[in-house]
Amino acid sequence: MERTLRPRPKVGYFGSGLAAYWPQFPNLKPAVLATMERHAAKLGKMGCEVVNGGLVDGAEKSNAVGDLFAREQVDLIIGEILTYTASHVLVPIAQRNIAPYLTLALQMVPTVPYDRVGTEDMTLIGAAMTAPEVSCAFNRCRIPFHCVVGGDFQDSVWEQVGEWIQAAAAKRAMMNARLGYLGHCYPGMLDMYSDLTMHQGGLGVHVEIVEMCDLAHRVGQVTEEEIDAKVEDARQMFSMPAPGYDRITKRVSPEELRWAAQVACAEDRLIADFDLDGLAYYYRGWNNNEYERIAAAMILGNSLLTARGIPCAGEADLKTCAAMFILEHFNAGGSFCELYLLDFEGGFVVAGHDGPGHIGIGDKKPILRGMELFHGKAGHGVSVEFNVKNGPVTMLGLTQTGEGRFKFVAAEGESIPGPILQVGNTNTRVRFGDMRPEEFGQAWTETGSTHHFALGIGHQMGKIEKLARLLDIDLAVVSR
């Protein structure tokens, strides 16, 4: 299933230097301009659109470049120091923008011939010497300061730059995002209760409150032709085997599949009509009433939406919906999970949940099972069973402290092969390096995390660390 297309991140790039150097060292400016051209092209190959501000070598040029980046609404400003630069050239560019600012200070060579290198050579080689001055100036002007200092020839440096670009793009995406909140949190889960204002204030996301009646109205609008098409999609994407060993599982009936497909079509309309980028949902219902039947049938539609890049979090966990949104924008997916069990003999943790999963990051055809009941919830219907594909994975949780501030909790591990539970739920075996399951479980718990988190593919800690800095959110790293 194709994911929802997102705009390419936009980066404002400029180089800086000292105008007084150019007449003193005639070869310096051409070398600076050549390096800028090469680096702008390198940034473009990272999948971003580059807005080139050119060479800024005096304070009289700064305002115009800052205004250019502000008009273009760039996601990140990269100011590269290519030779000594007076810091008063750089501060106005950052002051005119809400985009985060990254100083790039790269040395061109790993070492120098000390017995013959001259002053003109040093003016190009020693770009990193200005970085502390810029850091101090930004701090005194109360502008957040970020930097990459290293060698032009180091792959690790450019990996960091790429992570900054993706982190800034994720921040921008959150500022443009509309997350739907349907129903209410699962009653009694104090860790999940959310301050909707803080989602706007701390993350920049808009929370759109939608009602079950909004969805129920759209369920009634779905045509038989739409249901037929959605049933066919489900048959193509899922296998529907005989019941598992769990007594509450059964084969999916045609009637339940059509009902789930009808609700899935209605959810597509809800997402489109309210222009939503994600959905946190839960509704208990009562005595098999209409809302209970609709809520129980949402798992298929929410799994399909999550695979399209529109994360759907069960039990109305808005914070985890935001964590799923972040991993999705790191191209890592992000499946709704909690800690299922610790396998002391196998040395791994099982992470999973009932309800929707990100079936786009599995390595096998996901299973659609009929469920006689949903444990701890009302109703019955179809549910999704799959595991995240084997290889590197990242867990990302979003919690709140006693002071009400957001906090990230993250861990890198590995999804490992082996049988999974046949209970109609998502579940994945995850090993965390040399940490024993009980060590990991205790370390994760002691962070004050919520009991839910997003599980995505790849190791994403570098991007998470940078996003945490951009959002001024604390980060607890449990495993890497």
Protein backbone atom coordinates (compact mmCIF):
# COMPACT_ATOMS: atom_id res chain seq x y z
CA MET A 1 0.00 0.00 0.00
CA GLU A 2 1.40 3.38 -0.99
CA ARG A 3 1.92 5.84 1.83
CA THR A 4 0.46 9.31 1.77
CA LEU A 5 2.83 11.60 -0.12
CA ARG A 6 4.57 14.26 1.94
CA PRO A 7 6.35 17.41 0.72
CA ARG A 8 10.14 17.30 0.49
CA PRO A 9 11.88 19.05 3.37
CA LYS A 10 13.12 22.51 2.43
CA VAL A 11 16.59 23.64 3.55
CA GLY A 12 17.91 27.19 3.45
CA TYR A 13 21.67 26.99 2.79
CA PHE A 14 24.27 29.72 2.72
CA GLY A 15 28.01 30.03 3.14
CA SER A 16 29.80 32.64 5.20
CA GLY A 17 33.18 34.28 5.24
CA LEU A 18 35.03 37.54 5.89
CA ALA A 19 35.00 40.15 3.10
CA ALA A 20 38.33 41.54 4.30
CA TYR A 21 40.02 38.27 3.33
CA TRP A 22 39.15 38.35 -0.39
CA PRO A 23 41.63 41.07 -1.51
CA GLN A 24 44.28 39.68 0.82
CA PHE A 25 44.04 36.10 -0.48
CA PRO A 26 42.89 36.06 -4.15
CA ASN A 27 42.45 32.27 -4.33
CA LEU A 28 40.25 32.04 -1.25
CA LYS A 29 36.89 33.28 -2.50
CA PRO A 30 36.85 31.04 -5.63
CA ALA A 31 37.66 28.05 -3.39
CA VAL A 32 34.85 29.00 -0.98
CA LEU A 33 32.32 29.34 -3.83
CA ALA A 34 33.36 25.97 -5.29
CA THR A 35 32.92 24.27 -1.91
CA MET A 36 29.49 25.87 -1.48
CA GLU A 37 28.36 24.63 -4.89
CA ARG A 38 29.56 21.11 -4.07
CA HIS A 39 27.88 21.06 -0.66
CA ALA A 40 24.58 22.49 -1.94
CA ALA A 41 24.49 19.66 -4.48
CA LYS A 42 25.25 17.14 -1.72
CA LEU A 43 22.34 18.43 0.35
CA GLY A 44 20.03 18.16 -2.67
CA LYS A 45 20.91 14.49 -2.98
CA MET A 46 19.64 13.97 0.59
CA GLY A 47 16.08 14.35 -0.67
CA CYS A 48 15.55 17.99 0.28
CA GLU A 49 14.83 21.12 -1.70
CA VAL A 50 17.69 23.59 -1.29
CA VAL A 51 17.00 27.33 -1.12
CA ASN A 52 20.43 28.85 -1.78
CA GLY A 53 21.18 32.12 -0.02
CA GLY A 54 24.63 32.43 -1.55
CA LEU A 55 27.73 33.79 0.15
CA VAL A 56 27.21 36.12 3.12
CA ASP A 57 30.42 37.95 4.01
CA GLY A 58 29.12 41.13 5.63
CA ALA A 59 26.32 42.17 7.99
CA GLU A 60 24.67 44.29 5.28
CA LYS A 61 23.76 41.07 3.41
CA SER A 62 22.30 39.17 6.36
CA ASN A 63 18.82 40.63 6.47
CA ALA A 64 18.07 39.86 2.84
CA VAL A 65 19.12 36.22 3.22
CA GLY A 66 17.12 35.86 6.43
CA ASP A 67 14.06 37.32 4.74
CA LEU A 68 14.51 34.93 1.78
CA PHE A 69 14.45 31.91 4.07
CA ALA A 70 11.45 33.29 5.96
CA ARG A 71 9.49 33.81 2.69
CA GLU A 72 10.36 30.30 1.53
CA GLN A 73 9.29 28.81 4.90
CA VAL A 74 12.34 26.56 5.08
CA ASP A 75 12.37 23.67 7.55
CA LEU A 76 16.04 24.12 8.48
CA ILE A 77 18.71 26.77 7.95
CA ILE A 78 22.23 25.49 7.40
CA GLY A 79 24.82 28.21 7.75
CA GLU A 80 28.18 26.88 6.68
CA ILE A 81 31.31 28.59 7.96
CA LEU A 82 33.85 28.29 5.16
CA THR A 83 36.50 30.61 6.58
CA TYR A 84 36.57 32.92 9.55
CA THR A 85 33.19 34.71 9.88
CA ALA A 86 32.25 37.47 12.29
CA SER A 87 29.23 36.23 14.25
CA HIS A 88 27.24 39.45 13.67
CA VAL A 89 26.77 38.22 10.10
CA LEU A 90 24.90 35.10 11.22
CA VAL A 91 22.63 36.11 14.09
CA PRO A 92 20.19 38.25 12.01
CA ILE A 93 19.51 35.37 9.65
CA ALA A 94 18.36 33.17 12.52
CA GLN A 95 16.42 35.99 14.19
CA ARG A 96 14.17 36.40 11.16
CA ASN A 97 13.05 32.77 11.13
CA ILE A 98 11.23 30.20 13.22
CA ALA A 99 13.16 27.47 11.38
CA PRO A 100 15.92 25.85 13.46
CA TYR A 101 19.47 26.94 12.64
CA LEU A 102 22.39 24.53 12.15
CA THR A 103 25.99 25.70 11.96
CA LEU A 104 28.15 23.57 9.70
CA ALA A 105 31.88 23.92 10.35
CA LEU A 106 33.90 21.42 8.34
CA GLN A 107 37.61 21.06 7.87
CA MET A 108 38.60 20.15 4.32
CA VAL A 109 41.60 17.92 5.13
CA PRO A 110 42.39 15.43 7.92
CA THR A 111 45.82 16.95 8.62
CA VAL A 112 48.30 19.48 7.21
CA PRO A 113 51.96 19.51 6.20
CA TYR A 114 53.17 21.51 9.20
CA ASP A 115 56.52 22.34 7.62
CA ARG A 116 55.04 24.25 4.68
CA VAL A 117 51.35 25.18 5.13
CA GLY A 118 50.83 28.95 4.89
CA THR A 119 48.35 31.54 6.11
CA GLU A 120 46.29 31.52 2.91
CA ASP A 121 45.88 27.74 3.18
CA MET A 122 44.82 28.05 6.81
CA THR A 123 42.06 30.55 6.01
CA LEU A 124 40.20 27.78 4.14
CA ILE A 125 41.28 24.80 6.22
CA GLY A 126 40.40 26.22 9.66
CA ALA A 127 36.63 26.74 9.29
CA ALA A 128 35.90 25.18 12.67
CA MET A 129 37.63 28.00 14.53
CA THR A 130 34.55 30.23 14.26
CA ALA A 131 32.07 27.72 15.69
CA PRO A 132 32.65 28.62 19.38
CA GLU A 133 32.19 32.33 18.63
CA VAL A 134 28.90 31.63 16.88
CA SER A 135 27.74 29.37 19.71
CA CYS A 136 28.42 32.06 22.30
CA ALA A 137 26.72 34.76 20.24
CA PHE A 138 23.61 32.63 19.69
CA ASN A 139 23.40 31.70 23.37
CA ARG A 140 23.72 35.34 24.47
CA CYS A 141 21.00 36.32 21.97
CA ARG A 142 18.80 33.45 23.27
CA ILE A 143 18.70 31.67 19.94
CA PRO A 144 18.84 27.83 20.10
CA PHE A 145 22.20 26.73 18.77
CA HIS A 146 22.96 23.50 16.95
CA CYS A 147 26.15 22.56 15.15
CA VAL A 148 28.03 19.87 13.28
CA VAL A 149 31.81 20.20 13.58
CA GLY A 150 34.01 17.72 11.77
CA GLY A 151 35.66 16.83 8.49
CA ASP A 152 34.21 17.33 5.03
CA PHE A 153 35.59 13.88 4.21
CA GLN A 154 33.76 12.05 7.07
CA ASP A 155 30.63 10.08 6.17
CA SER A 156 29.48 10.32 9.80
CA VAL A 157 29.34 14.12 9.49
CA TRP A 158 27.01 14.00 6.52
CA GLU A 159 24.88 11.36 8.25
CA GLN A 160 24.43 13.85 11.09
CA VAL A 161 23.45 16.57 8.62
CA GLY A 162 20.88 14.21 7.08
CA GLU A 163 19.46 13.47 10.55
CA TRP A 164 19.14 17.20 11.27
CA ILE A 165 17.27 17.67 8.00
CA GLN A 166 14.83 14.86 8.79
CA ALA A 167 14.36 16.01 12.40
CA ALA A 168 13.59 19.56 11.25
CA ALA A 169 11.21 18.24 8.61
CA ALA A 170 9.42 16.15 11.26
CA LYS A 171 9.09 19.23 13.47
CA ARG A 172 7.56 21.17 10.58
CA ALA A 173 5.23 18.26 9.79
CA MET A 174 4.02 18.26 13.40
CA MET A 175 3.36 21.99 13.23
CA ASN A 176 1.19 21.35 10.16
CA ALA A 177 -0.45 18.19 11.51
CA ARG A 178 -4.07 17.67 12.50
CA LEU A 179 -4.54 14.69 14.82
CA GLY A 180 -8.09 13.53 15.38
CA TYR A 181 -9.30 12.63 18.87
CA LEU A 182 -12.33 10.37 18.67
CA GLY A 183 -14.22 9.33 21.78
CA HIS A 184 -12.23 9.23 25.01
CA CYS A 185 -9.28 7.50 26.68
CA TYR A 186 -9.75 3.99 27.96
CA PRO A 187 -11.19 4.70 31.43
CA GLY A 188 -8.74 4.60 34.31
CA MET A 189 -5.44 4.70 32.37
CA LEU A 190 -3.99 7.71 34.19
CA ASP A 191 -0.73 7.54 32.21
CA MET A 192 -2.58 8.17 28.95
CA TYR A 193 -4.77 11.10 29.90
CA SER A 194 -3.59 14.04 27.81
CA ASP A 195 -3.59 17.80 28.02
CA LEU A 196 -4.73 18.74 24.51
CA THR A 197 -3.41 22.28 24.91
CA MET A 198 0.09 20.94 25.56
CA HIS A 199 0.01 19.01 22.29
CA GLN A 200 -0.40 22.34 20.56
CA GLY A 201 2.05 24.12 22.83
CA GLY A 202 4.75 21.44 23.10
CA LEU A 203 4.53 19.74 19.72
CA GLY A 204 2.76 22.26 17.51
CA VAL A 205 0.05 19.79 16.47
CA HIS A 206 -3.60 20.74 16.16
CA VAL A 207 -5.99 18.34 17.89
CA GLU A 208 -9.33 18.07 16.13
CA ILE A 209 -12.03 16.59 18.38
CA VAL A 210 -14.37 14.38 16.38
CA GLU A 211 -17.45 12.52 17.60
CA MET A 212 -18.76 9.02 17.09
CA CYS A 213 -21.79 10.60 15.44
CA ASP A 214 -19.41 12.08 12.81
CA LEU A 215 -18.24 8.57 11.99
CA ALA A 216 -21.68 6.95 12.28
CA HIS A 217 -23.13 9.44 9.80
CA ARG A 218 -20.46 8.47 7.27
CA VAL A 219 -21.00 4.75 7.86
CA GLY A 220 -24.52 5.27 6.59
CA GLN A 221 -23.23 6.99 3.42
CA VAL A 222 -21.05 4.08 2.25
CA THR A 223 -22.27 2.34 -0.91
CA GLU A 224 -22.27 -1.39 -1.65
CA GLU A 225 -19.73 -0.79 -4.43
CA GLU A 226 -17.36 0.87 -1.97
CA ILE A 227 -17.75 -2.04 0.43
CA ASP A 228 -17.03 -4.54 -2.35
CA ALA A 229 -13.83 -2.70 -3.26
CA LYS A 230 -12.65 -2.52 0.34
CA VAL A 231 -13.37 -6.22 0.90
CA GLU A 232 -11.27 -7.02 -2.14
CA ASP A 233 -8.45 -4.83 -0.79
CA ALA A 234 -8.59 -6.73 2.50
CA ARG A 235 -8.52 -10.11 0.74
CA GLN A 236 -5.46 -9.02 -1.26
CA MET A 237 -3.57 -7.64 1.74
CA PHE A 238 -4.43 -10.16 4.47
CA SER A 239 -4.59 -13.89 4.86
CA MET A 240 -7.61 -15.19 6.77
CA PRO A 241 -6.70 -18.63 8.11
CA ALA A 242 -8.58 -21.07 10.30
CA PRO A 243 -8.78 -20.17 14.00
CA GLY A 244 -5.60 -20.11 16.04
CA TYR A 245 -5.16 -22.08 19.23
CA ASP A 246 -6.72 -19.25 21.29
CA ARG A 247 -10.33 -20.14 22.09
CA ILE A 248 -11.54 -16.58 21.43
CA THR A 249 -10.29 -16.59 17.81
CA LYS A 250 -12.31 -17.77 14.84
CA ARG A 251 -12.29 -17.58 11.06
CA VAL A 252 -13.37 -14.21 9.70
CA SER A 253 -16.99 -14.42 8.59
CA PRO A 254 -18.15 -12.72 5.37
CA GLU A 255 -20.64 -10.64 7.35
CA GLU A 256 -18.00 -9.32 9.80
CA LEU A 257 -15.59 -8.62 6.95
CA ARG A 258 -18.19 -6.56 5.08
CA TRP A 259 -19.09 -4.63 8.22
CA ALA A 260 -15.42 -3.89 8.93
CA ALA A 261 -15.00 -2.83 5.30
CA GLN A 262 -18.00 -0.50 5.55
CA VAL A 263 -16.58 1.14 8.66
CA ALA A 264 -13.17 1.39 6.98
CA CYS A 265 -14.75 3.25 4.06
CA ALA A 266 -16.43 5.60 6.51
CA GLU A 267 -13.10 6.21 8.22
CA ASP A 268 -11.55 7.14 4.88
CA ARG A 269 -14.29 9.77 4.52
CA LEU A 270 -13.79 10.99 8.08
CA ILE A 271 -10.04 11.42 7.54
CA ALA A 272 -10.61 13.26 4.26
CA ASP A 273 -13.48 15.47 5.48
CA PHE A 274 -11.62 16.62 8.60
CA ASP A 275 -8.21 16.67 6.84
CA LEU A 276 -6.65 14.48 9.51
CA ASP A 277 -3.04 13.25 9.63
CA GLY A 278 -3.64 10.77 12.44
CA LEU A 279 -6.34 9.47 14.78
CA ALA A 280 -6.46 8.47 18.43
CA TYR A 281 -9.70 6.62 19.13
CA TYR A 282 -11.66 4.63 21.67
CA TYR A 283 -15.35 4.27 22.42
CA ARG A 284 -16.80 1.69 24.75
CA GLY A 285 -20.43 1.61 23.62
CA TRP A 286 -23.14 -0.26 25.44
CA ASN A 287 -25.20 -3.42 24.99
CA ASN A 288 -24.31 -3.91 21.32
CA ASN A 289 -25.58 -0.46 20.36
CA GLU A 290 -24.60 1.26 17.12
CA TYR A 291 -21.54 3.01 18.52
CA GLU A 292 -20.26 -0.19 20.11
CA ARG A 293 -20.59 -2.06 16.81
CA ILE A 294 -18.79 0.72 14.91
CA ALA A 295 -15.97 1.02 17.45
CA ALA A 296 -15.44 -2.76 17.43
CA ALA A 297 -15.14 -2.75 13.63
CA MET A 298 -12.48 -0.02 13.33
CA ILE A 299 -9.36 -2.20 13.48
CA LEU A 300 -9.27 -3.04 9.77
CA GLY A 301 -9.73 0.56 8.66
CA ASN A 302 -7.24 1.89 11.17
CA SER A 303 -4.61 -0.63 10.12
CA LEU A 304 -5.07 0.36 6.48
CA LEU A 305 -4.83 4.04 7.38
CA THR A 306 -1.70 3.51 9.47
CA ALA A 307 -0.06 1.68 6.56
CA ARG A 308 -0.84 4.72 4.40
CA GLY A 309 1.07 6.95 6.80
CA ILE A 310 -1.92 8.15 8.82
CA PRO A 311 -1.20 6.65 12.28
CA CYS A 312 -4.14 5.40 14.32
CA ALA A 313 -3.63 4.74 18.04
CA GLY A 314 -6.04 2.64 20.06
CA GLU A 315 -7.47 3.43 23.50
CA ALA A 316 -7.41 7.12 22.42
CA ASP A 317 -3.71 7.40 23.28
CA LEU A 318 -2.97 10.75 21.69
CA LYS A 319 0.64 10.87 22.91
CA THR A 320 1.47 7.55 21.26
CA CYS A 321 -0.33 8.69 18.11
CA ALA A 322 2.16 11.59 18.04
CA ALA A 323 5.08 9.16 18.54
CA MET A 324 3.78 7.02 15.65
CA PHE A 325 3.51 10.18 13.54
CA ILE A 326 7.17 11.00 14.26
CA LEU A 327 8.45 7.54 13.32
CA GLU A 328 6.31 7.62 10.17
CA HIS A 329 8.04 10.87 9.17
CA PHE A 330 11.38 9.21 9.76
CA ASN A 331 10.24 6.60 7.22
CA ALA A 332 10.28 4.01 10.01
CA GLY A 333 6.56 3.24 10.21
CA GLY A 334 5.54 3.11 13.83
CA SER A 335 3.19 0.43 15.10
CA PHE A 336 1.03 0.80 18.24
CA CYS A 337 2.55 -1.35 21.00
CA GLU A 338 3.02 -2.10 24.66
CA LEU A 339 5.26 -4.59 26.50
CA TYR A 340 3.54 -7.98 26.24
CA LEU A 341 5.92 -10.30 28.03
CA LEU A 342 9.55 -10.93 28.96
CA ASP A 343 11.03 -14.14 27.58
CA PHE A 344 13.73 -14.99 30.10
CA GLU A 345 14.86 -18.13 28.29
CA GLY A 346 15.04 -16.55 24.83
CA GLY A 347 16.49 -13.26 26.05
CA PHE A 348 13.95 -11.03 24.32
CA VAL A 349 10.88 -8.90 24.92
CA VAL A 350 7.56 -9.30 23.09
CA ALA A 351 6.04 -5.97 22.03
CA GLY A 352 2.51 -5.80 20.67
CA HIS A 353 -1.10 -4.73 21.15
CA ASP A 354 -4.60 -5.51 20.09
CA GLY A 355 -6.17 -3.27 17.48
CA PRO A 356 -4.39 -1.54 14.58
CA GLY A 357 -0.83 -2.14 13.51
CA HIS A 358 1.48 -0.70 10.86
CA ILE A 359 1.19 -3.58 8.43
CA GLY A 360 3.46 -1.70 6.01
CA ILE A 361 6.53 -2.60 8.09
CA GLY A 362 5.93 -6.33 8.35
CA ASP A 363 7.81 -8.92 6.32
CA LYS A 364 5.00 -11.44 5.98
CA LYS A 365 1.41 -11.23 4.84
CA PRO A 366 -0.55 -10.03 7.90
CA ILE A 367 -3.38 -12.11 9.29
CA LEU A 368 -6.96 -10.99 9.78
CA ARG A 369 -8.60 -13.04 12.53
CA GLY A 370 -12.15 -13.16 13.76
CA MET A 371 -12.43 -12.45 17.47
CA GLU A 372 -15.24 -13.70 19.69
CA LEU A 373 -14.44 -10.81 22.02
CA PHE A 374 -11.89 -8.03 22.50
CA HIS A 375 -10.34 -8.57 25.93
CA GLY A 376 -11.11 -5.70 28.26
CA LYS A 377 -13.28 -4.01 25.64
CA ALA A 378 -16.81 -4.26 24.31
CA GLY A 379 -17.86 -5.98 21.11
CA HIS A 380 -16.41 -8.52 18.72
CA GLY A 381 -15.21 -8.54 15.12
CA VAL A 382 -11.98 -8.76 13.13
CA SER A 383 -8.46 -8.01 14.34
CA VAL A 384 -4.95 -7.86 12.90
CA GLU A 385 -2.08 -10.23 13.71
CA PHE A 386 1.44 -9.56 12.42
CA ASN A 387 5.00 -8.83 13.51
CA VAL A 388 7.43 -6.06 12.53
CA LYS A 389 9.99 -7.40 10.08
CA ASN A 390 13.28 -8.76 11.40
CA GLY A 391 16.19 -6.35 11.69
CA PRO A 392 16.97 -3.10 13.51
CA VAL A 393 14.00 -1.47 15.27
CA THR A 394 13.37 1.56 17.48
CA MET A 395 10.84 2.03 20.27
CA LEU A 396 9.64 5.59 20.83
CA GLY A 397 7.38 6.60 23.68
CA LEU A 398 6.00 10.02 24.53
CA THR A 399 5.11 10.64 28.15
CA GLN A 400 4.49 13.61 30.45
CA THR A 401 6.32 14.48 33.65
CA GLY A 402 4.79 15.55 36.93
CA GLU A 403 5.35 19.14 35.81
CA GLY A 404 3.30 18.48 32.68
CA ARG A 405 6.24 18.64 30.24
CA PHE A 406 6.54 16.14 27.43
CA LYS A 407 9.37 13.61 27.52
CA PHE A 408 10.60 11.14 24.90
CA VAL A 409 11.61 7.60 25.89
CA ALA A 410 13.48 5.62 23.24
CA ALA A 411 15.36 2.37 22.75
CA GLU A 412 17.09 0.72 19.80
CA GLY A 413 16.97 -3.04 19.44
CA GLU A 414 16.50 -5.82 16.91
CA SER A 415 13.39 -7.66 15.79
CA ILE A 416 14.36 -11.33 15.78
CA PRO A 417 12.81 -14.37 14.10
CA GLY A 418 10.57 -16.84 15.84
CA PRO A 419 6.91 -17.77 16.23
CA ILE A 420 4.51 -15.12 17.44
CA LEU A 421 1.34 -15.40 19.49
CA GLN A 422 -1.72 -16.50 17.50
CA VAL A 423 -4.10 -14.29 19.42
CA GLY A 424 -5.25 -11.86 16.77
CA ASN A 425 -2.85 -9.13 18.00
CA THR A 426 0.30 -7.51 16.68
CA ASN A 427 3.35 -8.93 18.46
CA THR A 428 7.09 -8.79 17.73
CA ARG A 429 10.13 -10.37 19.40
CA VAL A 430 12.70 -7.66 20.24
CA ARG A 431 16.19 -8.10 21.67
CA PHE A 432 18.10 -5.16 23.15
CA GLY A 433 21.80 -5.94 22.78
CA ASP A 434 23.27 -7.48 25.90
CA MET A 435 20.42 -6.29 28.14
CA ARG A 436 18.49 -9.12 29.73
CA PRO A 437 14.69 -8.84 29.39
CA GLU A 438 14.24 -7.93 33.04
CA GLU A 439 16.99 -5.29 32.80
CA PHE A 440 15.31 -3.70 29.84
CA GLY A 441 11.85 -3.90 31.41
CA GLN A 442 13.07 -2.21 34.58
CA ALA A 443 15.09 0.46 32.76
CA TRP A 444 12.17 1.34 30.48
CA THR A 445 9.73 1.43 33.39
CA GLU A 446 11.96 3.67 35.52
CA THR A 447 11.86 6.42 32.89
CA GLY A 448 8.22 7.14 33.79
CA SER A 449 7.04 6.08 30.34
CA THR A 450 3.43 5.42 29.50
CA HIS A 451 2.60 1.77 28.89
CA HIS A 452 2.21 2.38 25.14
CA PHE A 453 4.86 3.25 22.56
CA ALA A 454 5.48 3.23 18.81
CA LEU A 455 7.66 0.49 17.30
CA GLY A 456 9.37 1.34 14.01
CA ILE A 457 12.00 -0.13 11.72
CA GLY A 458 15.66 0.93 11.63
CA HIS A 459 17.75 2.60 14.27
CA GLN A 460 16.37 6.13 14.59
CA MET A 461 18.04 7.42 17.77
CA GLY A 462 20.14 10.06 16.04
CA LYS A 463 17.04 11.67 14.53
CA ILE A 464 15.08 11.36 17.79
CA GLU A 465 17.88 13.07 19.73
CA LYS A 466 17.91 15.97 17.28
CA LEU A 467 14.12 16.30 17.23
CA ALA A 468 14.11 16.36 21.04
CA ARG A 469 16.54 19.28 20.94
CA LEU A 470 14.49 21.13 18.35
CA LEU A 471 11.32 20.71 20.43
CA ASP A 472 13.10 21.32 23.75
CA ILE A 473 11.83 17.97 25.05
CA ASP A 474 13.80 15.72 27.42
CA LEU A 475 14.86 12.34 26.10
CA ALA A 476 15.55 9.17 28.09
CA VAL A 477 17.64 6.66 26.13
CA VAL A 478 17.17 3.11 27.40
CA SER A 479 19.15 1.14 24.81
CA ARG A 480 21.24 1.92 21.74
